[in-house]
C-alpha atoms as a PDB file:
ATOM      1  CA  UNK A   1       7.371  51.966  14.415  1.00  0.00           C
ATOM      2  CA  UNK A   2       4.405  50.305  15.996  1.00  0.00           C
ATOM      3  CA  UNK A   3       2.778  52.602  18.535  1.00  0.00           C
ATOM      4  CA  UNK A   4       0.287  50.760  20.709  1.00  0.00           C
ATOM      5  CA  UNK A   5      -2.044  51.631  23.544  1.00  0.00           C
ATOM      6  CA  UNK A   6       0.057  49.443  25.825  1.00  0.00           C
ATOM      7  CA  UNK A   7       3.156  51.515  25.005  1.00  0.00           C
ATOM      8  CA  UNK A   8       1.302  54.791  25.618  1.00  0.00           C
ATOM      9  CA  UNK A   9       0.060  53.544  28.983  1.00  0.00           C
ATOM     10  CA  UNK A  10       3.705  53.327  30.088  1.00  0.00           C
ATOM     11  CA  UNK A  11       4.222  57.068  29.581  1.00  0.00           C
ATOM     12  CA  UNK A  12       4.517  59.281  32.656  1.00  0.00           C
ATOM     13  CA  UNK A  13       3.428  62.958  32.673  1.00  0.00           C
ATOM     14  CA  UNK A  14       6.139  65.104  31.123  1.00  0.00           C
ATOM     15  CA  UNK A  15       7.682  62.235  29.168  1.00  0.00           C
ATOM     16  CA  UNK A  16       8.417  62.997  25.525  1.00  0.00           C
ATOM     17  CA  UNK A  17       9.390  60.354  22.962  1.00  0.00           C
ATOM     18  CA  UNK A  18      10.145  60.603  19.241  1.00  0.00           C
ATOM     19  CA  UNK A  19       9.390  57.661  16.971  1.00  0.00           C
ATOM     20  CA  UNK A  20      10.538  57.090  13.403  1.00  0.00           C
ATOM     21  CA  UNK A  21       7.617  56.178  11.135  1.00  0.00           C
ATOM     22  CA  UNK A  22       8.017  53.664   8.329  1.00  0.00           C
ATOM     23  CA  UNK A  23       5.017  54.942   6.370  1.00  0.00           C
ATOM     24  CA  UNK A  24       2.910  58.140   6.369  1.00  0.00           C
ATOM     25  CA  UNK A  25      -0.136  56.146   7.482  1.00  0.00           C
ATOM     26  CA  UNK A  26       1.691  55.304  10.719  1.00  0.00           C
ATOM     27  CA  UNK A  27       1.907  59.004  11.489  1.00  0.00           C
ATOM     28  CA  UNK A  28      -1.861  59.404  11.278  1.00  0.00           C
ATOM     29  CA  UNK A  29      -2.315  56.196  13.249  1.00  0.00           C
ATOM     30  CA  UNK A  30      -0.154  57.614  16.068  1.00  0.00           C
ATOM     31  CA  UNK A  31      -2.540  60.544  16.562  1.00  0.00           C
ATOM     32  CA  UNK A  32      -5.572  58.228  16.561  1.00  0.00           C
ATOM     33  CA  UNK A  33      -3.959  55.825  19.025  1.00  0.00           C
ATOM     34  CA  UNK A  34      -2.981  58.670  21.372  1.00  0.00           C
ATOM     35  CA  UNK A  35      -6.499  60.097  21.312  1.00  0.00           C
ATOM     36  CA  UNK A  36      -8.076  56.680  21.839  1.00  0.00           C
ATOM     37  CA  UNK A  37      -5.780  55.926  24.787  1.00  0.00           C
ATOM     38  CA  UNK A  38      -6.480  59.245  26.529  1.00  0.00           C
ATOM     39  CA  UNK A  39     -10.245  58.814  26.127  1.00  0.00           C
ATOM     40  CA  UNK A  40     -10.324  55.139  27.078  1.00  0.00           C
ATOM     41  CA  UNK A  41      -8.166  55.466  30.202  1.00  0.00           C
ATOM     42  CA  UNK A  42      -9.215  58.798  31.810  1.00  0.00           C
ATOM     43  CA  UNK A  43      -8.233  57.475  35.253  1.00  0.00           C
ATOM     44  CA  UNK A  44      -4.579  57.814  34.211  1.00  0.00           C
ATOM     45  CA  UNK A  45      -5.001  61.583  34.078  1.00  0.00           C
ATOM     46  CA  UNK A  46      -2.854  61.919  30.969  1.00  0.00           C
ATOM     47  CA  UNK A  47      -3.529  63.345  27.536  1.00  0.00           C
ATOM     48  CA  UNK A  48      -1.086  63.261  24.668  1.00  0.00           C
ATOM     49  CA  UNK A  49       0.354  65.984  22.472  1.00  0.00           C
ATOM     50  CA  UNK A  50       1.329  64.653  19.039  1.00  0.00           C
ATOM     51  CA  UNK A  51       3.643  66.511  16.644  1.00  0.00           C
ATOM     52  CA  UNK A  52       4.739  65.429  13.181  1.00  0.00           C
ATOM     53  CA  UNK A  53       7.963  66.129  11.305  1.00  0.00           C
ATOM     54  CA  UNK A  54       6.872  64.952   7.883  1.00  0.00           C
ATOM     55  CA  UNK A  55      10.185  65.459   6.025  1.00  0.00           C
ATOM     56  CA  UNK A  56      11.987  63.319   8.624  1.00  0.00           C
ATOM     57  CA  UNK A  57       9.012  60.926   9.042  1.00  0.00           C
ATOM     58  CA  UNK A  58       9.111  61.410  12.829  1.00  0.00           C
ATOM     59  CA  UNK A  59       6.307  61.546  15.373  1.00  0.00           C
ATOM     60  CA  UNK A  60       6.881  63.155  18.769  1.00  0.00           C
ATOM     61  CA  UNK A  61       4.452  62.274  21.535  1.00  0.00           C
ATOM     62  CA  UNK A  62       4.380  64.044  24.882  1.00  0.00           C
ATOM     63  CA  UNK A  63       2.342  62.928  27.887  1.00  0.00           C
ATOM     64  CA  UNK A  64       0.623  65.832  29.633  1.00  0.00           C
ATOM     65  CA  UNK A  65      -1.037  65.569  33.031  1.00  0.00           C
ATOM     66  CA  UNK A  66      -4.705  66.550  33.181  1.00  0.00           C
ATOM     67  CA  UNK A  67      -4.748  66.518  36.958  1.00  0.00           C
ATOM     68  CA  UNK A  68      -4.607  69.992  38.471  1.00  0.00           C
ATOM     69  CA  UNK A  69      -1.886  70.763  40.970  1.00  0.00           C
ATOM     70  CA  UNK A  70      -3.047  71.744  44.444  1.00  0.00           C
ATOM     71  CA  UNK A  71      -1.718  75.046  45.736  1.00  0.00           C
END
């Protein structure tokens, strides 16, 4: 798995993807990359939720909209 900022920029709000990590360091890198992307591109209006399944070596990333819905 190679999670990049470019890949995260393709996510749409509500999209959820699970990646298989090759090494535990990649799992920590996924969280850092998601945080960096959300902070660097605030105009996208997306933050990322990152969940780990350590026994399976899987990382699940969900794109969450930060833009409020108008009523």
